[in-house]
Amino acid sequence: MPSLRSKIYGGVYGQALGDAFGMPALLSPAQTRARFGRITGLIAAPDDHPVHARLPAGRITDDTEQALWLAREIIREGGVTLEGTARAILGWYDAIGGDDCAFVGPSTRRGVAKIRAGLDLRQTGLGGDTNGSAMRASVVGLIHPGDVEGAARDAALTAIPTHNTGVACAAAAAVAGAVARALDPTAELRDILAAGVEAAEIGKALGASSLGASVARRIELAVSLARDELGDDASRIQAIYDLIGTGLPASEAVPAAMGVVALADGDPVRAAMLAAELSGDADTIGAMACAVCGAWRGIEAIPAEMCETLRSANPDYDFDAVAEGLCELALRKMAG
């Protein structure tokens, strides 16, 4: 049974692994298969990639970058706050030259502009319904071992500066809640997936608007597609792509990620490969799915050479320091 420390390291490295695996994937399973066959390792993006052209093998994208910036702010403050979340987002945006960066999401870009304009942080994210808040939410779950409700509420809070809608808060809460449950040493995979559904319902109620598809119900549908006994992996992946979607909407990406968790049986490397095959916003889906799987299976489930590639390809980010800081916070919370 992995230790809590192993699980938190697994969550941090899992997030990066799924992100980097999905980074070179193209817009549909057919396009990705035609170009790469199957992506079974960390590879560079092709020169003509529509978003990640020429990124080297193992490079993370905005998904993990934002998660790490958020984690560092959580560690500094000793917990989640609106103001800390806003600082993390602005710090990341400036560090990457966000005004000229192709992969900044539309809701995040609008939210940043409103934060800079001095609007109230509960107003800056109104209307944001894409997956930007969910892609960074795994680190919130890592400080709430076994506490699905606490993780869901804190994750919804981190969504508000850029994604203050019921659907986006639900999506962020689902990821954090599943990660929190995955840290419980008694958790089975079905418990983790159920926690994602439970947390999505909590998060939905905390957003400014309840409009949009139900993230909770769509997680249930994605998991059922992943468990279709009549299909093989390729047909299940295609069903998730066709019926759930793999685009920017929070109501697509997060349910798709939970479907990948189910299809991979909680294995982070298998989840990374399946997310890449799923295509679309594969780096985001992979980051979320593999954070959940890594938090469940622990760092031992991720090959050491892959971890080393992630470290060497991303010298500006210290995965180990973030994992250690989150572990200290998680242990503090458990101690009361």
C-alpha atoms as a PDB file:
ATOM      1  CA  MET A   1       0.000   0.000   0.000  1.00  0.00           C
ATOM      2  CA  PRO A   2       1.582   3.340  -1.012  1.00  0.00           C
ATOM      3  CA  SER A   3       2.275   5.774   1.805  1.00  0.00           C
ATOM      4  CA  LEU A   4       0.598   9.188   1.882  1.00  0.00           C
ATOM      5  CA  ARG A   5       3.878  10.753   0.784  1.00  0.00           C
ATOM      6  CA  SER A   6       4.080   8.343  -2.155  1.00  0.00           C
ATOM      7  CA  LYS A   7       0.501   9.135  -3.114  1.00  0.00           C
ATOM      8  CA  ILE A   8       1.067  12.898  -3.040  1.00  0.00           C
ATOM      9  CA  TYR A   9       4.226  12.542  -5.131  1.00  0.00           C
ATOM     10  CA  GLY A  10       2.223  10.297  -7.436  1.00  0.00           C
ATOM     11  CA  GLY A  11      -0.462  12.964  -7.780  1.00  0.00           C
ATOM     12  CA  VAL A  12       2.054  15.685  -8.647  1.00  0.00           C
ATOM     13  CA  TYR A  13       4.062  13.587 -11.090  1.00  0.00           C
ATOM     14  CA  GLY A  14       0.892  11.992 -12.462  1.00  0.00           C
ATOM     15  CA  GLN A  15      -0.464  15.417 -13.364  1.00  0.00           C
ATOM     16  CA  ALA A  16       2.762  16.229 -15.238  1.00  0.00           C
ATOM     17  CA  LEU A  17       2.924  12.810 -16.889  1.00  0.00           C
ATOM     18  CA  GLY A  18      -0.583  12.954 -18.342  1.00  0.00           C
ATOM     19  CA  ASP A  19      -0.034  16.525 -19.486  1.00  0.00           C
ATOM     20  CA  ALA A  20       3.240  15.725 -21.276  1.00  0.00           C
ATOM     21  CA  PHE A  21       1.898  12.479 -22.787  1.00  0.00           C
ATOM     22  CA  GLY A  22      -1.131  14.270 -24.222  1.00  0.00           C
ATOM     23  CA  MET A  23       0.792  17.355 -25.364  1.00  0.00           C
ATOM     24  CA  PRO A  24       1.679  16.055 -28.883  1.00  0.00           C
ATOM     25  CA  ALA A  25      -1.734  14.435 -29.576  1.00  0.00           C
ATOM     26  CA  LEU A  26      -3.896  15.878 -32.333  1.00  0.00           C
ATOM     27  CA  LEU A  27      -7.569  16.798 -32.445  1.00  0.00           C
ATOM     28  CA  SER A  28      -9.197  13.391 -32.970  1.00  0.00           C
ATOM     29  CA  PRO A  29      -8.314   9.756 -32.312  1.00  0.00           C
ATOM     30  CA  ALA A  30      -8.146   9.141 -36.065  1.00  0.00           C
ATOM     31  CA  GLN A  31      -5.690  12.014 -36.590  1.00  0.00           C
ATOM     32  CA  THR A  32      -3.500  10.943 -33.692  1.00  0.00           C
ATOM     33  CA  ARG A  33      -3.430   7.317 -34.851  1.00  0.00           C
ATOM     34  CA  ALA A  34      -2.618   8.342 -38.426  1.00  0.00           C
ATOM     35  CA  ARG A  35       0.299  10.485 -37.248  1.00  0.00           C
ATOM     36  CA  PHE A  36       1.764   8.461 -34.384  1.00  0.00           C
ATOM     37  CA  GLY A  37       0.122   5.060 -34.280  1.00  0.00           C
ATOM     38  CA  ARG A  38      -0.167   4.937 -30.483  1.00  0.00           C
ATOM     39  CA  ILE A  39       1.674   7.311 -28.189  1.00  0.00           C
ATOM     40  CA  THR A  40       3.353   4.976 -25.704  1.00  0.00           C
ATOM     41  CA  GLY A  41       6.049   7.273 -24.353  1.00  0.00           C
ATOM     42  CA  LEU A  42       6.994  10.887 -23.835  1.00  0.00           C
ATOM     43  CA  ILE A  43       7.562  12.392 -27.282  1.00  0.00           C
ATOM     44  CA  ALA A  44       7.987  15.850 -28.795  1.00  0.00           C
ATOM     45  CA  ALA A  45       5.142  17.686 -30.486  1.00  0.00           C
ATOM     46  CA  PRO A  46       5.366  17.851 -34.280  1.00  0.00           C
ATOM     47  CA  ASP A  47       6.438  21.078 -35.933  1.00  0.00           C
ATOM     48  CA  ASP A  48       2.957  21.622 -37.340  1.00  0.00           C
ATOM     49  CA  HIS A  49       1.046  20.996 -34.115  1.00  0.00           C
ATOM     50  CA  PRO A  50      -1.813  23.534 -33.884  1.00  0.00           C
ATOM     51  CA  VAL A  51      -0.989  24.535 -30.277  1.00  0.00           C
ATOM     52  CA  HIS A  52       2.205  22.892 -29.010  1.00  0.00           C
ATOM     53  CA  ALA A  53       4.464  23.024 -32.064  1.00  0.00           C
ATOM     54  CA  ARG A  54       8.076  22.070 -31.306  1.00  0.00           C
ATOM     55  CA  LEU A  55       7.633  21.468 -27.584  1.00  0.00           C
ATOM     56  CA  PRO A  56      10.192  18.827 -26.548  1.00  0.00           C
ATOM     57  CA  ALA A  57       9.450  15.405 -25.120  1.00  0.00           C
ATOM     58  CA  GLY A  58       8.281  15.605 -21.521  1.00  0.00           C
ATOM     59  CA  ARG A  59       7.393  19.291 -21.554  1.00  0.00           C
ATOM     60  CA  ILE A  60       4.344  20.200 -19.523  1.00  0.00           C
ATOM     61  CA  THR A  61       1.805  22.789 -20.646  1.00  0.00           C
ATOM     62  CA  ASP A  62      -0.473  25.306 -18.952  1.00  0.00           C
ATOM     63  CA  ASP A  63      -2.364  22.504 -17.185  1.00  0.00           C
ATOM     64  CA  THR A  64       0.482  21.523 -14.897  1.00  0.00           C
ATOM     65  CA  GLU A  65       2.094  24.955 -14.878  1.00  0.00           C
ATOM     66  CA  GLN A  66      -1.026  26.473 -13.343  1.00  0.00           C
ATOM     67  CA  ALA A  67      -1.376  23.569 -10.915  1.00  0.00           C
ATOM     68  CA  LEU A  68       2.187  24.071  -9.689  1.00  0.00           C
ATOM     69  CA  TRP A  69       1.802  27.839  -9.345  1.00  0.00           C
ATOM     70  CA  LEU A  70      -1.405  27.273  -7.400  1.00  0.00           C
ATOM     71  CA  ALA A  71       0.255  24.625  -5.221  1.00  0.00           C
ATOM     72  CA  ARG A  72       3.125  26.946  -4.331  1.00  0.00           C
ATOM     73  CA  GLU A  73       0.677  29.638  -3.276  1.00  0.00           C
ATOM     74  CA  ILE A  74      -1.336  27.137  -1.209  1.00  0.00           C
ATOM     75  CA  ILE A  75       1.870  26.019   0.501  1.00  0.00           C
ATOM     76  CA  ARG A  76       2.940  29.610   1.171  1.00  0.00           C
ATOM     77  CA  GLU A  77      -0.432  30.530   2.659  1.00  0.00           C
ATOM     78  CA  GLY A  78      -1.067  27.262   4.436  1.00  0.00           C
ATOM     79  CA  GLY A  79      -4.339  26.718   2.571  1.00  0.00           C
ATOM     80  CA  VAL A  80      -6.616  27.858  -0.229  1.00  0.00           C
ATOM     81  CA  THR A  81      -7.728  31.482  -0.573  1.00  0.00           C
ATOM     82  CA  LEU A  82      -9.285  33.530  -3.348  1.00  0.00           C
ATOM     83  CA  GLU A  83      -6.467  36.049  -3.168  1.00  0.00           C
ATOM     84  CA  GLY A  84      -3.785  33.383  -3.273  1.00  0.00           C
ATOM     85  CA  THR A  85      -5.424  31.767  -6.277  1.00  0.00           C
ATOM     86  CA  ALA A  86      -5.511  35.091  -8.108  1.00  0.00           C
ATOM     87  CA  ARG A  87      -1.832  35.705  -7.316  1.00  0.00           C
ATOM     88  CA  ALA A  88      -0.924  32.264  -8.623  1.00  0.00           C
ATOM     89  CA  ILE A  89      -2.807  32.801 -11.876  1.00  0.00           C
ATOM     90  CA  LEU A  90      -1.324  36.247 -12.459  1.00  0.00           C
ATOM     91  CA  GLY A  91       2.170  35.029 -11.611  1.00  0.00           C
ATOM     92  CA  TRP A  92       1.900  32.136 -14.035  1.00  0.00           C
ATOM     93  CA  TYR A  93       0.393  34.341 -16.756  1.00  0.00           C
ATOM     94  CA  ASP A  94       3.220  36.858 -16.525  1.00  0.00           C
ATOM     95  CA  ALA A  95       5.894  34.150 -16.388  1.00  0.00           C
ATOM     96  CA  ILE A  96       4.775  32.592 -19.677  1.00  0.00           C
ATOM     97  CA  GLY A  97       4.049  35.888 -21.456  1.00  0.00           C
ATOM     98  CA  GLY A  98       0.351  35.151 -21.459  1.00  0.00           C
ATOM     99  CA  ASP A  99      -0.665  37.948 -23.792  1.00  0.00           C
ATOM    100  CA  ASP A 100       1.305  36.274 -26.578  1.00  0.00           C
ATOM    101  CA  CYS A 101       0.817  32.640 -25.554  1.00  0.00           C
ATOM    102  CA  ALA A 102      -1.335  30.488 -27.826  1.00  0.00           C
ATOM    103  CA  PHE A 103      -2.481  28.009 -25.198  1.00  0.00           C
ATOM    104  CA  VAL A 104      -3.966  30.341 -22.589  1.00  0.00           C
ATOM    105  CA  GLY A 105      -7.628  29.356 -22.333  1.00  0.00           C
ATOM    106  CA  PRO A 106     -10.388  31.846 -23.159  1.00  0.00           C
ATOM    107  CA  SER A 107     -11.951  31.950 -19.681  1.00  0.00           C
ATOM    108  CA  THR A 108      -8.570  32.354 -18.016  1.00  0.00           C
ATOM    109  CA  ARG A 109      -7.577  35.148 -20.407  1.00  0.00           C
ATOM    110  CA  ARG A 110     -10.805  37.046 -19.678  1.00  0.00           C
ATOM    111  CA  GLY A 111     -10.447  36.459 -15.963  1.00  0.00           C
ATOM    112  CA  VAL A 112      -6.876  37.743 -15.907  1.00  0.00           C
ATOM    113  CA  ALA A 113      -7.916  40.947 -17.665  1.00  0.00           C
ATOM    114  CA  LYS A 114     -10.664  41.548 -15.115  1.00  0.00           C
ATOM    115  CA  ILE A 115      -8.415  40.770 -12.158  1.00  0.00           C
ATOM    116  CA  ARG A 116      -5.889  43.287 -13.480  1.00  0.00           C
ATOM    117  CA  ALA A 117      -8.693  45.821 -13.833  1.00  0.00           C
ATOM    118  CA  GLY A 118      -9.332  45.533 -10.101  1.00  0.00           C
ATOM    119  CA  LEU A 119     -12.750  43.865 -10.188  1.00  0.00           C
ATOM    120  CA  ASP A 120     -13.997  41.887  -7.214  1.00  0.00           C
ATOM    121  CA  LEU A 121     -12.588  38.343  -7.408  1.00  0.00           C
ATOM    122  CA  ARG A 122     -16.102  36.916  -7.205  1.00  0.00           C
ATOM    123  CA  GLN A 123     -16.979  38.832 -10.370  1.00  0.00           C
ATOM    124  CA  THR A 124     -13.866  38.288 -12.505  1.00  0.00           C
ATOM    125  CA  GLY A 125     -14.721  34.691 -13.434  1.00  0.00           C
ATOM    126  CA  LEU A 126     -18.409  35.085 -14.227  1.00  0.00           C
ATOM    127  CA  GLY A 127     -19.286  33.187 -17.400  1.00  0.00           C
ATOM    128  CA  GLY A 128     -16.127  31.046 -17.395  1.00  0.00           C
ATOM    129  CA  ASP A 129     -17.254  27.528 -18.302  1.00  0.00           C
ATOM    130  CA  THR A 130     -14.145  25.918 -19.783  1.00  0.00           C
ATOM    131  CA  ASN A 131     -11.759  23.443 -18.139  1.00  0.00           C
ATOM    132  CA  GLY A 132      -9.087  25.862 -16.888  1.00  0.00           C
ATOM    133  CA  SER A 133     -10.135  25.666 -13.254  1.00  0.00           C
ATOM    134  CA  ALA A 134     -10.361  21.870 -13.290  1.00  0.00           C
ATOM    135  CA  MET A 135      -6.950  21.337 -14.851  1.00  0.00           C
ATOM    136  CA  ARG A 136      -5.236  22.980 -11.856  1.00  0.00           C
ATOM    137  CA  ALA A 137      -7.489  21.505  -9.137  1.00  0.00           C
ATOM    138  CA  SER A 138      -5.700  18.232  -8.406  1.00  0.00           C
ATOM    139  CA  VAL A 139      -3.272  19.952  -6.039  1.00  0.00           C
ATOM    140  CA  VAL A 140      -6.224  21.051  -3.898  1.00  0.00           C
ATOM    141  CA  GLY A 141      -7.250  17.424  -3.448  1.00  0.00           C
ATOM    142  CA  LEU A 142      -3.711  16.534  -2.382  1.00  0.00           C
ATOM    143  CA  ILE A 143      -4.030  18.561   0.834  1.00  0.00           C
ATOM    144  CA  HIS A 144      -7.342  16.918   1.813  1.00  0.00           C
ATOM    145  CA  PRO A 145      -6.624  13.199   2.365  1.00  0.00           C
ATOM    146  CA  GLY A 146      -9.970  11.415   2.364  1.00  0.00           C
ATOM    147  CA  ASP A 147     -11.951  14.661   2.778  1.00  0.00           C
ATOM    148  CA  VAL A 148     -14.051  14.823  -0.378  1.00  0.00           C
ATOM    149  CA  GLU A 149     -16.259  17.692   0.773  1.00  0.00           C
ATOM    150  CA  GLY A 150     -13.341  19.827   1.956  1.00  0.00           C
ATOM    151  CA  ALA A 151     -11.514  19.249  -1.314  1.00  0.00           C
ATOM    152  CA  ALA A 152     -14.632  20.068  -3.347  1.00  0.00           C
ATOM    153  CA  ARG A 153     -15.267  23.328  -1.501  1.00  0.00           C
ATOM    154  CA  ASP A 154     -11.665  24.486  -1.747  1.00  0.00           C
ATOM    155  CA  ALA A 155     -11.469  23.521  -5.424  1.00  0.00           C
ATOM    156  CA  ALA A 156     -14.618  25.521  -6.186  1.00  0.00           C
ATOM    157  CA  LEU A 157     -12.999  28.474  -4.421  1.00  0.00           C
ATOM    158  CA  THR A 158      -9.941  28.217  -6.688  1.00  0.00           C
ATOM    159  CA  ALA A 159     -12.246  28.229  -9.727  1.00  0.00           C
ATOM    160  CA  ILE A 160     -14.015  31.467  -8.857  1.00  0.00           C
ATOM    161  CA  PRO A 161     -11.446  34.091 -10.017  1.00  0.00           C
ATOM    162  CA  THR A 162     -11.537  32.775 -13.596  1.00  0.00           C
ATOM    163  CA  HIS A 163     -14.397  30.250 -13.808  1.00  0.00           C
ATOM    164  CA  ASN A 164     -17.248  31.302 -11.537  1.00  0.00           C
ATOM    165  CA  THR A 165     -19.998  29.108 -12.962  1.00  0.00           C
ATOM    166  CA  GLY A 166     -21.695  26.027 -11.601  1.00  0.00           C
ATOM    167  CA  VAL A 167     -20.334  23.807 -14.361  1.00  0.00           C
ATOM    168  CA  ALA A 168     -16.717  24.930 -13.932  1.00  0.00           C
ATOM    169  CA  CYS A 169     -16.865  24.794 -10.140  1.00  0.00           C
ATOM    170  CA  ALA A 170     -18.372  21.305 -10.425  1.00  0.00           C
ATOM    171  CA  ALA A 171     -15.585  20.222 -12.749  1.00  0.00           C
ATOM    172  CA  ALA A 172     -12.810  21.534 -10.491  1.00  0.00           C
ATOM    173  CA  ALA A 173     -14.474  19.988  -7.449  1.00  0.00           C
ATOM    174  CA  ALA A 174     -14.803  16.621  -9.203  1.00  0.00           C
ATOM    175  CA  VAL A 175     -11.072  16.409  -9.869  1.00  0.00           C
ATOM    176  CA  ALA A 176     -10.078  17.519  -6.375  1.00  0.00           C
ATOM    177  CA  GLY A 177     -12.656  15.275  -4.722  1.00  0.00           C
ATOM    178  CA  ALA A 178     -11.512  12.220  -6.663  1.00  0.00           C
ATOM    179  CA  VAL A 179      -7.875  12.957  -5.770  1.00  0.00           C
ATOM    180  CA  ALA A 180      -8.755  13.426  -2.097  1.00  0.00           C
ATOM    181  CA  ARG A 181     -10.533  10.060  -2.020  1.00  0.00           C
ATOM    182  CA  ALA A 182      -7.630   8.438  -3.863  1.00  0.00           C
ATOM    183  CA  LEU A 183      -5.334   9.401  -0.973  1.00  0.00           C
ATOM    184  CA  ASP A 184      -7.414   7.247   1.393  1.00  0.00           C
ATOM    185  CA  PRO A 185      -5.557   3.947   1.809  1.00  0.00           C
ATOM    186  CA  THR A 186      -8.858   2.049   1.927  1.00  0.00           C
ATOM    187  CA  ALA A 187     -10.234   3.510  -1.337  1.00  0.00           C
ATOM    188  CA  GLU A 188     -11.180   1.278  -4.243  1.00  0.00           C
ATOM    189  CA  LEU A 189     -11.420   2.631  -7.765  1.00  0.00           C
ATOM    190  CA  ARG A 190     -15.217   2.688  -7.622  1.00  0.00           C
ATOM    191  CA  ASP A 191     -14.994   4.842  -4.474  1.00  0.00           C
ATOM    192  CA  ILE A 192     -12.738   7.343  -6.231  1.00  0.00           C
ATOM    193  CA  LEU A 193     -15.044   7.656  -9.227  1.00  0.00           C
ATOM    194  CA  ALA A 194     -18.060   8.000  -6.928  1.00  0.00           C
ATOM    195  CA  ALA A 195     -16.224  10.743  -5.046  1.00  0.00           C
ATOM    196  CA  GLY A 196     -15.813  12.639  -8.325  1.00  0.00           C
ATOM    197  CA  VAL A 197     -19.582  12.530  -8.803  1.00  0.00           C
ATOM    198  CA  GLU A 198     -20.266  13.551  -5.201  1.00  0.00           C
ATOM    199  CA  ALA A 199     -17.786  16.415  -5.353  1.00  0.00           C
ATOM    200  CA  ALA A 200     -19.197  17.655  -8.665  1.00  0.00           C
ATOM    201  CA  GLU A 201     -22.606  18.068  -7.051  1.00  0.00           C
ATOM    202  CA  ILE A 202     -21.047  20.011  -4.161  1.00  0.00           C
ATOM    203  CA  GLY A 203     -19.089  22.246  -6.515  1.00  0.00           C
ATOM    204  CA  LYS A 204     -22.038  22.956  -8.785  1.00  0.00           C
ATOM    205  CA  ALA A 205     -23.912  24.604  -5.909  1.00  0.00           C
ATOM    206  CA  LEU A 206     -20.989  26.933  -5.210  1.00  0.00           C
ATOM    207  CA  GLY A 207     -20.780  28.546  -8.654  1.00  0.00           C
ATOM    208  CA  ALA A 208     -22.558  31.740  -9.621  1.00  0.00           C
ATOM    209  CA  SER A 209     -24.784  30.030 -12.180  1.00  0.00           C
ATOM    210  CA  SER A 210     -26.267  26.552 -12.381  1.00  0.00           C
ATOM    211  CA  LEU A 211     -26.666  26.631 -16.165  1.00  0.00           C
ATOM    212  CA  GLY A 212     -24.921  24.009 -18.264  1.00  0.00           C
ATOM    213  CA  ALA A 213     -24.691  20.245 -18.505  1.00  0.00           C
ATOM    214  CA  SER A 214     -24.396  18.192 -15.318  1.00  0.00           C
ATOM    215  CA  VAL A 215     -20.760  17.258 -14.770  1.00  0.00           C
ATOM    216  CA  ALA A 216     -21.826  14.600 -12.264  1.00  0.00           C
ATOM    217  CA  ARG A 217     -24.219  12.862 -14.663  1.00  0.00           C
ATOM    218  CA  ARG A 218     -21.721  13.070 -17.506  1.00  0.00           C
ATOM    219  CA  ILE A 219     -19.035  11.458 -15.321  1.00  0.00           C
ATOM    220  CA  GLU A 220     -21.422   8.588 -14.742  1.00  0.00           C
ATOM    221  CA  LEU A 221     -22.019   8.287 -18.485  1.00  0.00           C
ATOM    222  CA  ALA A 222     -18.291   8.386 -19.287  1.00  0.00           C
ATOM    223  CA  VAL A 223     -17.550   5.677 -16.729  1.00  0.00           C
ATOM    224  CA  SER A 224     -20.319   3.503 -18.150  1.00  0.00           C
ATOM    225  CA  LEU A 225     -18.855   3.902 -21.659  1.00  0.00           C
ATOM    226  CA  ALA A 226     -15.415   2.977 -20.351  1.00  0.00           C
ATOM    227  CA  ARG A 227     -16.831  -0.179 -18.810  1.00  0.00           C
ATOM    228  CA  ASP A 228     -18.783  -1.337 -21.867  1.00  0.00           C
ATOM    229  CA  GLU A 229     -18.188  -5.083 -21.841  1.00  0.00           C
ATOM    230  CA  LEU A 230     -18.956  -5.436 -25.549  1.00  0.00           C
ATOM    231  CA  GLY A 231     -16.206  -3.113 -26.760  1.00  0.00           C
ATOM    232  CA  ASP A 232     -12.417  -3.034 -26.850  1.00  0.00           C
ATOM    233  CA  ASP A 233     -10.282  -0.098 -25.751  1.00  0.00           C
ATOM    234  CA  ALA A 234     -10.364   1.563 -29.165  1.00  0.00           C
ATOM    235  CA  SER A 235     -14.157   1.431 -29.376  1.00  0.00           C
ATOM    236  CA  ARG A 236     -14.517   2.684 -25.809  1.00  0.00           C
ATOM    237  CA  ILE A 237     -12.162   5.578 -26.518  1.00  0.00           C
ATOM    238  CA  GLN A 238     -14.149   6.426 -29.637  1.00  0.00           C
ATOM    239  CA  ALA A 239     -17.414   6.296 -27.681  1.00  0.00           C
ATOM    240  CA  ILE A 240     -16.057   8.736 -25.088  1.00  0.00           C
ATOM    241  CA  TYR A 241     -14.826  11.006 -27.884  1.00  0.00           C
ATOM    242  CA  ASP A 242     -18.175  10.852 -29.723  1.00  0.00           C
ATOM    243  CA  LEU A 243     -20.609  10.989 -26.792  1.00  0.00           C
ATOM    244  CA  ILE A 244     -18.758  12.916 -24.072  1.00  0.00           C
ATOM    245  CA  GLY A 245     -16.378  15.057 -26.113  1.00  0.00           C
ATOM    246  CA  THR A 246     -12.773  16.067 -25.519  1.00  0.00           C
ATOM    247  CA  GLY A 247     -12.918  19.821 -26.018  1.00  0.00           C
ATOM    248  CA  LEU A 248     -12.456  22.874 -23.820  1.00  0.00           C
ATOM    249  CA  PRO A 249     -15.880  22.824 -22.096  1.00  0.00           C
ATOM    250  CA  ALA A 250     -15.587  21.712 -18.486  1.00  0.00           C
ATOM    251  CA  SER A 251     -18.557  19.416 -19.012  1.00  0.00           C
ATOM    252  CA  GLU A 252     -16.570  17.497 -21.635  1.00  0.00           C
ATOM    253  CA  ALA A 253     -12.988  17.360 -20.397  1.00  0.00           C
ATOM    254  CA  VAL A 254     -13.579  16.315 -16.792  1.00  0.00           C
ATOM    255  CA  PRO A 255     -16.079  13.521 -17.527  1.00  0.00           C
ATOM    256  CA  ALA A 256     -13.741  12.307 -20.285  1.00  0.00           C
ATOM    257  CA  ALA A 257     -10.867  12.265 -17.781  1.00  0.00           C
ATOM    258  CA  MET A 258     -12.908  10.199 -15.335  1.00  0.00           C
ATOM    259  CA  GLY A 259     -13.752   7.813 -18.149  1.00  0.00           C
ATOM    260  CA  VAL A 260     -10.020   7.443 -18.797  1.00  0.00           C
ATOM    261  CA  VAL A 261      -9.408   6.716 -15.093  1.00  0.00           C
ATOM    262  CA  ALA A 262     -11.992   3.930 -15.270  1.00  0.00           C
ATOM    263  CA  LEU A 263     -10.710   2.522 -18.562  1.00  0.00           C
ATOM    264  CA  ALA A 264      -7.115   2.541 -17.277  1.00  0.00           C
ATOM    265  CA  ASP A 265      -8.157   0.764 -14.070  1.00  0.00           C
ATOM    266  CA  GLY A 266      -6.409   3.526 -12.151  1.00  0.00           C
ATOM    267  CA  ASP A 267      -2.962   2.958 -13.693  1.00  0.00           C
ATOM    268  CA  PRO A 268      -1.303   6.349 -14.365  1.00  0.00           C
ATOM    269  CA  VAL A 269       0.873   5.286 -17.313  1.00  0.00           C
ATOM    270  CA  ARG A 270      -1.989   3.467 -19.006  1.00  0.00           C
ATOM    271  CA  ALA A 271      -4.216   6.488 -18.359  1.00  0.00           C
ATOM    272  CA  ALA A 272      -1.610   8.741 -19.995  1.00  0.00           C
ATOM    273  CA  MET A 273      -1.546   6.562 -23.113  1.00  0.00           C
ATOM    274  CA  LEU A 274      -5.344   6.370 -23.298  1.00  0.00           C
ATOM    275  CA  ALA A 275      -5.741  10.133 -22.863  1.00  0.00           C
ATOM    276  CA  ALA A 276      -3.275  10.740 -25.683  1.00  0.00           C
ATOM    277  CA  GLU A 277      -5.215   8.306 -27.863  1.00  0.00           C
ATOM    278  CA  LEU A 278      -8.457  10.075 -26.954  1.00  0.00           C
ATOM    279  CA  SER A 279      -7.012  13.267 -28.444  1.00  0.00           C
ATOM    280  CA  GLY A 280      -8.721  16.673 -28.497  1.00  0.00           C
ATOM    281  CA  ASP A 281      -7.651  18.516 -25.345  1.00  0.00           C
ATOM    282  CA  ALA A 282      -5.620  15.437 -24.498  1.00  0.00           C
ATOM    283  CA  ASP A 283      -3.013  17.178 -22.360  1.00  0.00           C
ATOM    284  CA  THR A 284      -5.693  18.562 -20.030  1.00  0.00           C
ATOM    285  CA  ILE A 285      -7.628  15.286 -19.900  1.00  0.00           C
ATOM    286  CA  GLY A 286      -4.419  13.370 -19.306  1.00  0.00           C
ATOM    287  CA  ALA A 287      -3.252  15.732 -16.570  1.00  0.00           C
ATOM    288  CA  MET A 288      -6.493  15.347 -14.631  1.00  0.00           C
ATOM    289  CA  ALA A 289      -6.843  11.596 -15.154  1.00  0.00           C
ATOM    290  CA  CYS A 290      -3.243  10.820 -14.261  1.00  0.00           C
ATOM    291  CA  ALA A 291      -3.307  13.048 -11.186  1.00  0.00           C
ATOM    292  CA  VAL A 292      -6.155  10.909  -9.866  1.00  0.00           C
ATOM    293  CA  CYS A 293      -4.439   7.664 -10.831  1.00  0.00           C
ATOM    294  CA  GLY A 294      -1.071   8.756  -9.458  1.00  0.00           C
ATOM    295  CA  ALA A 295      -2.650   9.768  -6.171  1.00  0.00           C
ATOM    296  CA  TRP A 296      -4.196   6.307  -5.910  1.00  0.00           C
ATOM    297  CA  ARG A 297      -1.322   4.105  -7.060  1.00  0.00           C
ATOM    298  CA  GLY A 298       1.564   6.239  -5.720  1.00  0.00           C
ATOM    299  CA  ILE A 299       4.819   7.408  -7.249  1.00  0.00           C
ATOM    300  CA  GLU A 300       6.030   3.804  -7.588  1.00  0.00           C
ATOM    301  CA  ALA A 301       3.491   3.339 -10.411  1.00  0.00           C
ATOM    302  CA  ILE A 302       5.312   5.892 -12.572  1.00  0.00           C
ATOM    303  CA  PRO A 303       8.617   4.653 -14.032  1.00  0.00           C
ATOM    304  CA  ALA A 304      11.647   6.478 -12.646  1.00  0.00           C
ATOM    305  CA  GLU A 305      12.938   7.264 -16.135  1.00  0.00           C
ATOM    306  CA  MET A 306       9.694   9.060 -16.977  1.00  0.00           C
ATOM    307  CA  CYS A 307       9.971  11.133 -13.813  1.00  0.00           C
ATOM    308  CA  GLU A 308      13.533  12.029 -14.763  1.00  0.00           C
ATOM    309  CA  THR A 309      12.428  13.082 -18.259  1.00  0.00           C
ATOM    310  CA  LEU A 310       9.752  15.297 -16.730  1.00  0.00           C
ATOM    311  CA  ARG A 311      12.297  16.932 -14.425  1.00  0.00           C
ATOM    312  CA  SER A 312      14.867  17.515 -17.148  1.00  0.00           C
ATOM    313  CA  ALA A 313      12.314  18.847 -19.659  1.00  0.00           C
ATOM    314  CA  ASN A 314      10.906  21.343 -17.143  1.00  0.00           C
ATOM    315  CA  PRO A 315      13.853  22.895 -15.272  1.00  0.00           C
ATOM    316  CA  ASP A 316      11.783  25.885 -14.130  1.00  0.00           C
ATOM    317  CA  TYR A 317       9.539  23.655 -12.013  1.00  0.00           C
ATOM    318  CA  ASP A 318      10.541  21.702  -8.915  1.00  0.00           C
ATOM    319  CA  PHE A 319       8.042  18.856  -8.704  1.00  0.00           C
ATOM    320  CA  ASP A 320       9.661  17.386  -5.598  1.00  0.00           C
ATOM    321  CA  ALA A 321       9.559  20.645  -3.631  1.00  0.00           C
ATOM    322  CA  VAL A 322       5.881  21.083  -4.443  1.00  0.00           C
ATOM    323  CA  ALA A 323       5.090  17.502  -3.454  1.00  0.00           C
ATOM    324  CA  GLU A 324       6.970  17.906  -0.155  1.00  0.00           C
ATOM    325  CA  GLY A 325       5.144  21.135   0.650  1.00  0.00           C
ATOM    326  CA  LEU A 326       1.753  19.602  -0.105  1.00  0.00           C
ATOM    327  CA  CYS A 327       2.637  16.562   1.988  1.00  0.00           C
ATOM    328  CA  GLU A 328       3.439  18.770   4.983  1.00  0.00           C
ATOM    329  CA  LEU A 329       0.088  20.526   4.621  1.00  0.00           C
ATOM    330  CA  ALA A 330      -1.803  17.238   4.258  1.00  0.00           C
ATOM    331  CA  LEU A 331      -0.164  15.808   7.362  1.00  0.00           C
ATOM    332  CA  ARG A 332      -0.963  19.009   9.267  1.00  0.00           C
ATOM    333  CA  LYS A 333      -4.621  18.742   8.278  1.00  0.00           C
ATOM    334  CA  MET A 334      -4.762  15.095   9.326  1.00  0.00           C
ATOM    335  CA  ALA A 335      -3.283  16.004  12.699  1.00  0.00           C
ATOM    336  CA  GLY A 336      -6.047  18.558  13.209  1.00  0.00           C
END
